[in-house]
């Protein structure tokens, strides 16, 4: 089975009715080699909850999750900077 067919069999709450779905975005991204699995998870969950806020309206729990994941991501990056990793500027 192909990508689109497998996606069409998923739960209806994962379908964007022809729009862009976060999973398609994740699939198209080539992460920076500096990122580990945690970094990618934290950033994709941030995107997921931001997308929910955009499409479903404001839910404090979703906004709180964005803040939580970004804080975890920043803390992880800072801990690596302290050991000489991840200290590149954009």
PDB file of N, CA and C in Angstrom:
ATOM      1  N   UNK A   1       0.835  -1.174   0.000  1.00  0.00           N
ATOM      2  CA  UNK A   1       0.000   0.000   0.000  1.00  0.00           C
ATOM      3  C   UNK A   1       0.886   1.247   0.000  1.00  0.00           C
ATOM      4  N   UNK A   2       0.441   2.273  -0.677  1.00  0.00           N
ATOM      5  CA  UNK A   2       1.191   3.521  -0.732  1.00  0.00           C
ATOM      6  C   UNK A   2       0.840   4.462   0.411  1.00  0.00           C
ATOM      7  N   UNK A   3       1.614   5.538   0.504  1.00  0.00           N
ATOM      8  CA  UNK A   3       1.465   6.541   1.557  1.00  0.00           C
ATOM      9  C   UNK A   3       0.043   7.072   1.643  1.00  0.00           C
ATOM     10  N   UNK A   4      -0.497   7.573   0.540  1.00  0.00           N
ATOM     11  CA  UNK A   4      -1.826   8.190   0.554  1.00  0.00           C
ATOM     12  C   UNK A   4      -2.911   7.184   0.915  1.00  0.00           C
ATOM     13  N   UNK A   5      -2.801   5.975   0.417  1.00  0.00           N
ATOM     14  CA  UNK A   5      -3.802   4.952   0.735  1.00  0.00           C
ATOM     15  C   UNK A   5      -3.758   4.586   2.216  1.00  0.00           C
ATOM     16  N   UNK A   6      -2.562   4.432   2.751  1.00  0.00           N
ATOM     17  CA  UNK A   6      -2.442   4.137   4.184  1.00  0.00           C
ATOM     18  C   UNK A   6      -3.001   5.281   5.024  1.00  0.00           C
ATOM     19  N   UNK A   7      -2.695   6.528   4.646  1.00  0.00           N
ATOM     20  CA  UNK A   7      -3.231   7.675   5.378  1.00  0.00           C
ATOM     21  C   UNK A   7      -4.751   7.718   5.312  1.00  0.00           C
ATOM     22  N   UNK A   8      -5.325   7.348   4.176  1.00  0.00           N
ATOM     23  CA  UNK A   8      -6.782   7.405   4.024  1.00  0.00           C
ATOM     24  C   UNK A   8      -7.486   6.420   4.942  1.00  0.00           C
ATOM     25  N   UNK A   9      -6.771   5.413   5.400  1.00  0.00           N
ATOM     26  CA  UNK A   9      -7.362   4.413   6.299  1.00  0.00           C
ATOM     27  C   UNK A   9      -7.268   4.818   7.766  1.00  0.00           C
ATOM     28  N   UNK A  10      -6.558   5.884   8.053  1.00  0.00           N
ATOM     29  CA  UNK A  10      -6.393   6.330   9.436  1.00  0.00           C
ATOM     30  C   UNK A  10      -7.662   6.967   9.980  1.00  0.00           C
ATOM     31  N   UNK A  11      -7.619   7.320  11.241  1.00  0.00           N
ATOM     32  CA  UNK A  11      -8.755   7.953  11.911  1.00  0.00           C
ATOM     33  C   UNK A  11      -9.125   9.262  11.229  1.00  0.00           C
ATOM     34  N   UNK A  12     -10.408   9.578  11.238  1.00  0.00           N
ATOM     35  CA  UNK A  12     -10.893  10.779  10.552  1.00  0.00           C
ATOM     36  C   UNK A  12     -10.323  12.060  11.160  1.00  0.00           C
ATOM     37  N   UNK A  13      -9.977  12.059  12.453  1.00  0.00           N
ATOM     38  CA  UNK A  13      -9.451  13.286  13.052  1.00  0.00           C
ATOM     39  C   UNK A  13      -8.040  13.610  12.560  1.00  0.00           C
ATOM     40  N   UNK A  14      -7.440  12.717  11.776  1.00  0.00           N
ATOM     41  CA  UNK A  14      -6.136  13.000  11.187  1.00  0.00           C
ATOM     42  C   UNK A  14      -6.237  13.523   9.763  1.00  0.00           C
ATOM     43  N   UNK A  15      -7.421  13.699   9.266  1.00  0.00           N
ATOM     44  CA  UNK A  15      -7.604  14.133   7.889  1.00  0.00           C
ATOM     45  C   UNK A  15      -7.901  15.627   7.840  1.00  0.00           C
ATOM     46  N   UNK A  16      -7.207  16.335   6.959  1.00  0.00           N
ATOM     47  CA  UNK A  16      -7.344  17.787   6.866  1.00  0.00           C
ATOM     48  C   UNK A  16      -8.262  18.190   5.715  1.00  0.00           C
ATOM     49  N   UNK A  17      -9.084  17.266   5.240  1.00  0.00           N
ATOM     50  CA  UNK A  17     -10.019  17.559   4.148  1.00  0.00           C
ATOM     51  C   UNK A  17      -9.340  18.264   2.978  1.00  0.00           C
ATOM     52  N   UNK A  18      -8.271  17.651   2.488  1.00  0.00           N
ATOM     53  CA  UNK A  18      -7.570  18.208   1.346  1.00  0.00           C
ATOM     54  C   UNK A  18      -6.474  19.193   1.690  1.00  0.00           C
ATOM     55  N   UNK A  19      -6.398  19.603   2.936  1.00  0.00           N
ATOM     56  CA  UNK A  19      -5.368  20.552   3.346  1.00  0.00           C
ATOM     57  C   UNK A  19      -4.075  19.846   3.710  1.00  0.00           C
ATOM     58  N   UNK A  20      -3.135  20.620   4.172  1.00  0.00           N
ATOM     59  CA  UNK A  20      -1.855  20.076   4.602  1.00  0.00           C
ATOM     60  C   UNK A  20      -2.016  19.484   5.996  1.00  0.00           C
ATOM     61  N   UNK A  21      -1.478  18.310   6.179  1.00  0.00           N
ATOM     62  CA  UNK A  21      -1.496  17.677   7.481  1.00  0.00           C
ATOM     63  C   UNK A  21      -0.082  17.718   8.062  1.00  0.00           C
ATOM     64  N   UNK A  22       0.040  17.856   9.380  1.00  0.00           N
ATOM     65  CA  UNK A  22       1.377  17.875   9.976  1.00  0.00           C
ATOM     66  C   UNK A  22       2.233  16.669   9.580  1.00  0.00           C
ATOM     67  N   UNK A  23       1.632  15.496   9.470  1.00  0.00           N
ATOM     68  CA  UNK A  23       2.426  14.305   9.139  1.00  0.00           C
ATOM     69  C   UNK A  23       3.092  14.440   7.769  1.00  0.00           C
ATOM     70  N   UNK A  24       2.422  15.137   6.832  1.00  0.00           N
ATOM     71  CA  UNK A  24       3.025  15.360   5.519  1.00  0.00           C
ATOM     72  C   UNK A  24       4.217  16.311   5.629  1.00  0.00           C
ATOM     73  N   UNK A  25       4.081  17.305   6.474  1.00  0.00           N
ATOM     74  CA  UNK A  25       5.191  18.225   6.722  1.00  0.00           C
ATOM     75  C   UNK A  25       6.375  17.472   7.322  1.00  0.00           C
ATOM     76  N   UNK A  26       6.119  16.653   8.346  1.00  0.00           N
ATOM     77  CA  UNK A  26       7.188  15.907   8.997  1.00  0.00           C
ATOM     78  C   UNK A  26       7.911  15.014   7.989  1.00  0.00           C
ATOM     79  N   UNK A  27       7.122  14.394   7.118  1.00  0.00           N
ATOM     80  CA  UNK A  27       7.694  13.476   6.128  1.00  0.00           C
ATOM     81  C   UNK A  27       8.612  14.208   5.149  1.00  0.00           C
ATOM     82  N   UNK A  28       8.316  15.459   4.865  1.00  0.00           N
ATOM     83  CA  UNK A  28       9.084  16.199   3.872  1.00  0.00           C
ATOM     84  C   UNK A  28      10.348  16.859   4.443  1.00  0.00           C
ATOM     85  N   UNK A  29      10.451  16.948   5.763  1.00  0.00           N
ATOM     86  CA  UNK A  29      11.563  17.651   6.395  1.00  0.00           C
ATOM     87  C   UNK A  29      12.792  16.737   6.491  1.00  0.00           C
ATOM     88  N   UNK A  30      13.924  17.341   6.214  1.00  0.00           N
ATOM     89  CA  UNK A  30      15.209  16.659   6.433  1.00  0.00           C
ATOM     90  C   UNK A  30      15.853  17.365   7.625  1.00  0.00           C
ATOM     91  N   UNK A  31      15.778  16.755   8.820  1.00  0.00           N
ATOM     92  CA  UNK A  31      16.266  17.430  10.031  1.00  0.00           C
ATOM     93  C   UNK A  31      17.752  17.774   9.954  1.00  0.00           C
ATOM     94  N   UNK A  32      18.096  18.842  10.615  1.00  0.00           N
ATOM     95  CA  UNK A  32      19.487  19.238  10.747  1.00  0.00           C
ATOM     96  C   UNK A  32      20.233  18.088  11.429  1.00  0.00           C
ATOM     97  N   UNK A  33      21.430  17.741  10.969  1.00  0.00           N
ATOM     98  CA  UNK A  33      22.147  16.592  11.548  1.00  0.00           C
ATOM     99  C   UNK A  33      22.484  16.744  13.035  1.00  0.00           C
ATOM    100  N   UNK A  34      22.437  17.953  13.541  1.00  0.00           N
ATOM    101  CA  UNK A  34      22.720  18.173  14.962  1.00  0.00           C
ATOM    102  C   UNK A  34      21.581  17.683  15.855  1.00  0.00           C
ATOM    103  N   UNK A  35      20.377  17.558  15.296  1.00  0.00           N
ATOM    104  CA  UNK A  35      19.221  17.181  16.100  1.00  0.00           C
ATOM    105  C   UNK A  35      19.184  15.685  16.375  1.00  0.00           C
ATOM    106  N   UNK A  36      18.838  15.358  17.618  1.00  0.00           N
ATOM    107  CA  UNK A  36      18.657  13.961  17.981  1.00  0.00           C
ATOM    108  C   UNK A  36      17.157  13.633  17.966  1.00  0.00           C
ATOM    109  N   UNK A  37      16.818  12.415  18.304  1.00  0.00           N
ATOM    110  CA  UNK A  37      15.415  11.984  18.266  1.00  0.00           C
ATOM    111  C   UNK A  37      14.540  12.832  19.191  1.00  0.00           C
ATOM    112  N   UNK A  38      15.061  13.181  20.367  1.00  0.00           N
ATOM    113  CA  UNK A  38      14.280  14.022  21.275  1.00  0.00           C
ATOM    114  C   UNK A  38      13.986  15.380  20.662  1.00  0.00           C
ATOM    115  N   UNK A  39      14.996  16.014  20.071  1.00  0.00           N
ATOM    116  CA  UNK A  39      14.805  17.333  19.460  1.00  0.00           C
ATOM    117  C   UNK A  39      13.692  17.285  18.413  1.00  0.00           C
ATOM    118  N   UNK A  40      13.757  16.279  17.568  1.00  0.00           N
ATOM    119  CA  UNK A  40      12.768  16.141  16.503  1.00  0.00           C
ATOM    120  C   UNK A  40      11.384  15.925  17.098  1.00  0.00           C
ATOM    121  N   UNK A  41      11.275  15.086  18.107  1.00  0.00           N
ATOM    122  CA  UNK A  41       9.989  14.840  18.772  1.00  0.00           C
ATOM    123  C   UNK A  41       9.445  16.128  19.388  1.00  0.00           C
ATOM    124  N   UNK A  42      10.281  16.866  20.098  1.00  0.00           N
ATOM    125  CA  UNK A  42       9.832  18.104  20.739  1.00  0.00           C
ATOM    126  C   UNK A  42       9.349  19.104  19.701  1.00  0.00           C
ATOM    127  N   UNK A  43      10.082  19.242  18.611  1.00  0.00           N
ATOM    128  CA  UNK A  43       9.694  20.210  17.581  1.00  0.00           C
ATOM    129  C   UNK A  43       8.454  19.774  16.811  1.00  0.00           C
ATOM    130  N   UNK A  44       8.340  18.489  16.492  1.00  0.00           N
ATOM    131  CA  UNK A  44       7.144  18.042  15.766  1.00  0.00           C
ATOM    132  C   UNK A  44       5.905  18.099  16.659  1.00  0.00           C
ATOM    133  N   UNK A  45       6.054  17.830  17.947  1.00  0.00           N
ATOM    134  CA  UNK A  45       4.902  17.975  18.844  1.00  0.00           C
ATOM    135  C   UNK A  45       4.503  19.441  18.980  1.00  0.00           C
ATOM    136  N   UNK A  46       5.476  20.337  18.959  1.00  0.00           N
ATOM    137  CA  UNK A  46       5.164  21.767  18.969  1.00  0.00           C
ATOM    138  C   UNK A  46       4.333  22.131  17.747  1.00  0.00           C
ATOM    139  N   UNK A  47       4.742  21.636  16.587  1.00  0.00           N
ATOM    140  CA  UNK A  47       3.987  21.883  15.351  1.00  0.00           C
ATOM    141  C   UNK A  47       2.587  21.292  15.458  1.00  0.00           C
ATOM    142  N   UNK A  48       2.496  20.074  15.982  1.00  0.00           N
ATOM    143  CA  UNK A  48       1.191  19.403  16.107  1.00  0.00           C
ATOM    144  C   UNK A  48       0.221  20.234  16.954  1.00  0.00           C
ATOM    145  N   UNK A  49       0.679  20.688  18.106  1.00  0.00           N
ATOM    146  CA  UNK A  49      -0.222  21.441  18.979  1.00  0.00           C
ATOM    147  C   UNK A  49      -0.514  22.839  18.437  1.00  0.00           C
ATOM    148  N   UNK A  50       0.431  23.442  17.743  1.00  0.00           N
ATOM    149  CA  UNK A  50       0.177  24.735  17.101  1.00  0.00           C
ATOM    150  C   UNK A  50      -0.866  24.567  15.995  1.00  0.00           C
ATOM    151  N   UNK A  51      -0.753  23.503  15.234  1.00  0.00           N
ATOM    152  CA  UNK A  51      -1.726  23.214  14.181  1.00  0.00           C
ATOM    153  C   UNK A  51      -3.130  23.033  14.776  1.00  0.00           C
ATOM    154  N   UNK A  52      -3.193  22.335  15.892  1.00  0.00           N
ATOM    155  CA  UNK A  52      -4.492  22.165  16.564  1.00  0.00           C
ATOM    156  C   UNK A  52      -5.072  23.514  16.984  1.00  0.00           C
ATOM    157  N   UNK A  53      -4.233  24.383  17.516  1.00  0.00           N
ATOM    158  CA  UNK A  53      -4.723  25.706  17.911  1.00  0.00           C
ATOM    159  C   UNK A  53      -5.251  26.478  16.703  1.00  0.00           C
ATOM    160  N   UNK A  54      -4.554  26.370  15.592  1.00  0.00           N
ATOM    161  CA  UNK A  54      -4.966  27.080  14.382  1.00  0.00           C
ATOM    162  C   UNK A  54      -6.282  26.530  13.849  1.00  0.00           C
ATOM    163  N   UNK A  55      -6.432  25.222  13.857  1.00  0.00           N
ATOM    164  CA  UNK A  55      -7.605  24.610  13.217  1.00  0.00           C
ATOM    165  C   UNK A  55      -8.793  24.381  14.144  1.00  0.00           C
ATOM    166  N   UNK A  56      -8.544  24.212  15.433  1.00  0.00           N
ATOM    167  CA  UNK A  56      -9.636  23.905  16.363  1.00  0.00           C
ATOM    168  C   UNK A  56     -10.024  25.073  17.261  1.00  0.00           C
ATOM    169  N   UNK A  57      -9.170  26.075  17.308  1.00  0.00           N
ATOM    170  CA  UNK A  57      -9.417  27.178  18.220  1.00  0.00           C
ATOM    171  C   UNK A  57      -8.608  27.012  19.485  1.00  0.00           C
ATOM    172  N   UNK A  58      -8.700  28.011  20.329  1.00  0.00           N
ATOM    173  CA  UNK A  58      -7.865  28.063  21.529  1.00  0.00           C
ATOM    174  C   UNK A  58      -8.291  27.040  22.564  1.00  0.00           C
ATOM    175  N   UNK A  59      -7.339  26.217  22.929  1.00  0.00           N
ATOM    176  CA  UNK A  59      -7.468  25.330  24.082  1.00  0.00           C
ATOM    177  C   UNK A  59      -6.206  25.529  24.904  1.00  0.00           C
ATOM    178  N   UNK A  60      -6.356  25.968  26.125  1.00  0.00           N
ATOM    179  CA  UNK A  60      -5.203  26.256  26.977  1.00  0.00           C
ATOM    180  C   UNK A  60      -4.272  25.056  27.084  1.00  0.00           C
ATOM    181  N   UNK A  61      -4.828  23.859  27.146  1.00  0.00           N
ATOM    182  CA  UNK A  61      -3.993  22.659  27.266  1.00  0.00           C
ATOM    183  C   UNK A  61      -3.042  22.523  26.083  1.00  0.00           C
ATOM    184  N   UNK A  62      -3.514  22.841  24.869  1.00  0.00           N
ATOM    185  CA  UNK A  62      -2.643  22.764  23.699  1.00  0.00           C
ATOM    186  C   UNK A  62      -1.561  23.835  23.752  1.00  0.00           C
ATOM    187  N   UNK A  63      -1.914  25.045  24.168  1.00  0.00           N
ATOM    188  CA  UNK A  63      -0.925  26.118  24.305  1.00  0.00           C
ATOM    189  C   UNK A  63       0.115  25.755  25.371  1.00  0.00           C
ATOM    190  N   UNK A  64      -0.341  25.168  26.473  1.00  0.00           N
ATOM    191  CA  UNK A  64       0.579  24.752  27.529  1.00  0.00           C
ATOM    192  C   UNK A  64       1.549  23.681  27.032  1.00  0.00           C
ATOM    193  N   UNK A  65       1.071  22.776  26.174  1.00  0.00           N
ATOM    194  CA  UNK A  65       1.941  21.726  25.643  1.00  0.00           C
ATOM    195  C   UNK A  65       3.014  22.324  24.738  1.00  0.00           C
ATOM    196  N   UNK A  66       2.662  23.336  23.950  1.00  0.00           N
ATOM    197  CA  UNK A  66       3.662  24.005  23.105  1.00  0.00           C
ATOM    198  C   UNK A  66       4.765  24.592  23.980  1.00  0.00           C
ATOM    199  N   UNK A  67       4.359  25.309  25.014  1.00  0.00           N
ATOM    200  CA  UNK A  67       5.328  25.928  25.925  1.00  0.00           C
ATOM    201  C   UNK A  67       6.212  24.855  26.566  1.00  0.00           C
ATOM    202  N   UNK A  68       5.600  23.777  27.009  1.00  0.00           N
ATOM    203  CA  UNK A  68       6.340  22.690  27.661  1.00  0.00           C
ATOM    204  C   UNK A  68       7.380  22.088  26.713  1.00  0.00           C
ATOM    205  N   UNK A  69       6.971  21.760  25.492  1.00  0.00           N
ATOM    206  CA  UNK A  69       7.915  21.145  24.546  1.00  0.00           C
ATOM    207  C   UNK A  69       9.032  22.105  24.162  1.00  0.00           C
ATOM    208  N   UNK A  70       8.723  23.370  23.959  1.00  0.00           N
ATOM    209  CA  UNK A  70       9.770  24.335  23.621  1.00  0.00           C
ATOM    210  C   UNK A  70      10.735  24.513  24.794  1.00  0.00           C
ATOM    211  N   UNK A  71      10.213  24.571  26.016  1.00  0.00           N
ATOM    212  CA  UNK A  71      11.093  24.680  27.185  1.00  0.00           C
ATOM    213  C   UNK A  71      12.013  23.469  27.302  1.00  0.00           C
ATOM    214  N   UNK A  72      11.476  22.270  27.058  1.00  0.00           N
ATOM    215  CA  UNK A  72      12.308  21.062  27.086  1.00  0.00           C
ATOM    216  C   UNK A  72      13.373  21.111  25.998  1.00  0.00           C
ATOM    217  N   UNK A  73      12.974  21.520  24.807  1.00  0.00           N
ATOM    218  CA  UNK A  73      13.902  21.612  23.681  1.00  0.00           C
ATOM    219  C   UNK A  73      15.040  22.592  23.995  1.00  0.00           C
ATOM    220  N   UNK A  74      14.686  23.769  24.482  1.00  0.00           N
ATOM    221  CA  UNK A  74      15.695  24.785  24.802  1.00  0.00           C
ATOM    222  C   UNK A  74      16.625  24.281  25.909  1.00  0.00           C
ATOM    223  N   UNK A  75      16.067  23.668  26.939  1.00  0.00           N
ATOM    224  CA  UNK A  75      16.897  23.144  28.032  1.00  0.00           C
ATOM    225  C   UNK A  75      17.862  22.083  27.517  1.00  0.00           C
ATOM    226  N   UNK A  76      17.398  21.226  26.623  1.00  0.00           N
ATOM    227  CA  UNK A  76      18.259  20.195  26.057  1.00  0.00           C
ATOM    228  C   UNK A  76      19.370  20.821  25.216  1.00  0.00           C
ATOM    229  N   UNK A  77      19.019  21.808  24.389  1.00  0.00           N
ATOM    230  CA  UNK A  77      20.035  22.480  23.571  1.00  0.00           C
ATOM    231  C   UNK A  77      21.047  23.205  24.455  1.00  0.00           C
ATOM    232  N   UNK A  78      20.571  23.862  25.501  1.00  0.00           N
ATOM    233  CA  UNK A  78      21.481  24.568  26.405  1.00  0.00           C
ATOM    234  C   UNK A  78      22.406  23.596  27.134  1.00  0.00           C
ATOM    235  N   UNK A  79      21.893  22.428  27.492  1.00  0.00           N
ATOM    236  CA  UNK A  79      22.760  21.458  28.177  1.00  0.00           C
ATOM    237  C   UNK A  79      23.854  20.974  27.244  1.00  0.00           C
ATOM    238  N   UNK A  80      23.570  20.872  25.967  1.00  0.00           N
ATOM    239  CA  UNK A  80      24.599  20.473  25.003  1.00  0.00           C
ATOM    240  C   UNK A  80      25.578  21.614  24.741  1.00  0.00           C
ATOM    241  N   UNK A  81      25.092  22.847  24.767  1.00  0.00           N
ATOM    242  CA  UNK A  81      25.992  23.996  24.615  1.00  0.00           C
ATOM    243  C   UNK A  81      27.007  24.020  25.747  1.00  0.00           C
ATOM    244  N   UNK A  82      26.552  23.629  26.930  1.00  0.00           N
ATOM    245  CA  UNK A  82      27.436  23.633  28.095  1.00  0.00           C
ATOM    246  C   UNK A  82      28.560  22.607  27.981  1.00  0.00           C
ATOM    247  N   UNK A  83      28.386  21.626  27.124  1.00  0.00           N
ATOM    248  CA  UNK A  83      29.454  20.644  26.905  1.00  0.00           C
ATOM    249  C   UNK A  83      30.079  20.821  25.524  1.00  0.00           C
ATOM    250  N   UNK A  84      29.821  21.986  24.899  1.00  0.00           N
ATOM    251  CA  UNK A  84      30.467  22.315  23.637  1.00  0.00           C
ATOM    252  C   UNK A  84      29.744  21.856  22.395  1.00  0.00           C
ATOM    253  N   UNK A  85      28.493  21.448  22.525  1.00  0.00           N
ATOM    254  CA  UNK A  85      27.701  21.006  21.370  1.00  0.00           C
ATOM    255  C   UNK A  85      26.575  21.985  21.122  1.00  0.00           C
ATOM    256  N   UNK A  86      26.165  22.121  19.903  1.00  0.00           N
ATOM    257  CA  UNK A  86      24.995  22.909  19.578  1.00  0.00           C
ATOM    258  C   UNK A  86      25.154  24.396  19.788  1.00  0.00           C
ATOM    259  N   UNK A  87      26.374  24.924  19.757  1.00  0.00           N
ATOM    260  CA  UNK A  87      26.542  26.347  20.030  1.00  0.00           C
ATOM    261  C   UNK A  87      26.681  27.173  18.755  1.00  0.00           C
ATOM    262  N   UNK A  88      26.087  26.696  17.672  1.00  0.00           N
ATOM    263  CA  UNK A  88      26.125  27.454  16.426  1.00  0.00           C
ATOM    264  C   UNK A  88      24.990  28.461  16.395  1.00  0.00           C
ATOM    265  N   UNK A  89      25.249  29.622  15.823  1.00  0.00           N
ATOM    266  CA  UNK A  89      24.207  30.632  15.657  1.00  0.00           C
ATOM    267  C   UNK A  89      23.551  30.451  14.316  1.00  0.00           C
ATOM    268  N   UNK A  90      22.281  30.862  14.233  1.00  0.00           N
ATOM    269  CA  UNK A  90      21.549  30.788  12.963  1.00  0.00           C
ATOM    270  C   UNK A  90      22.002  31.871  12.026  1.00  0.00           C
TER     271      UNK A  90
END
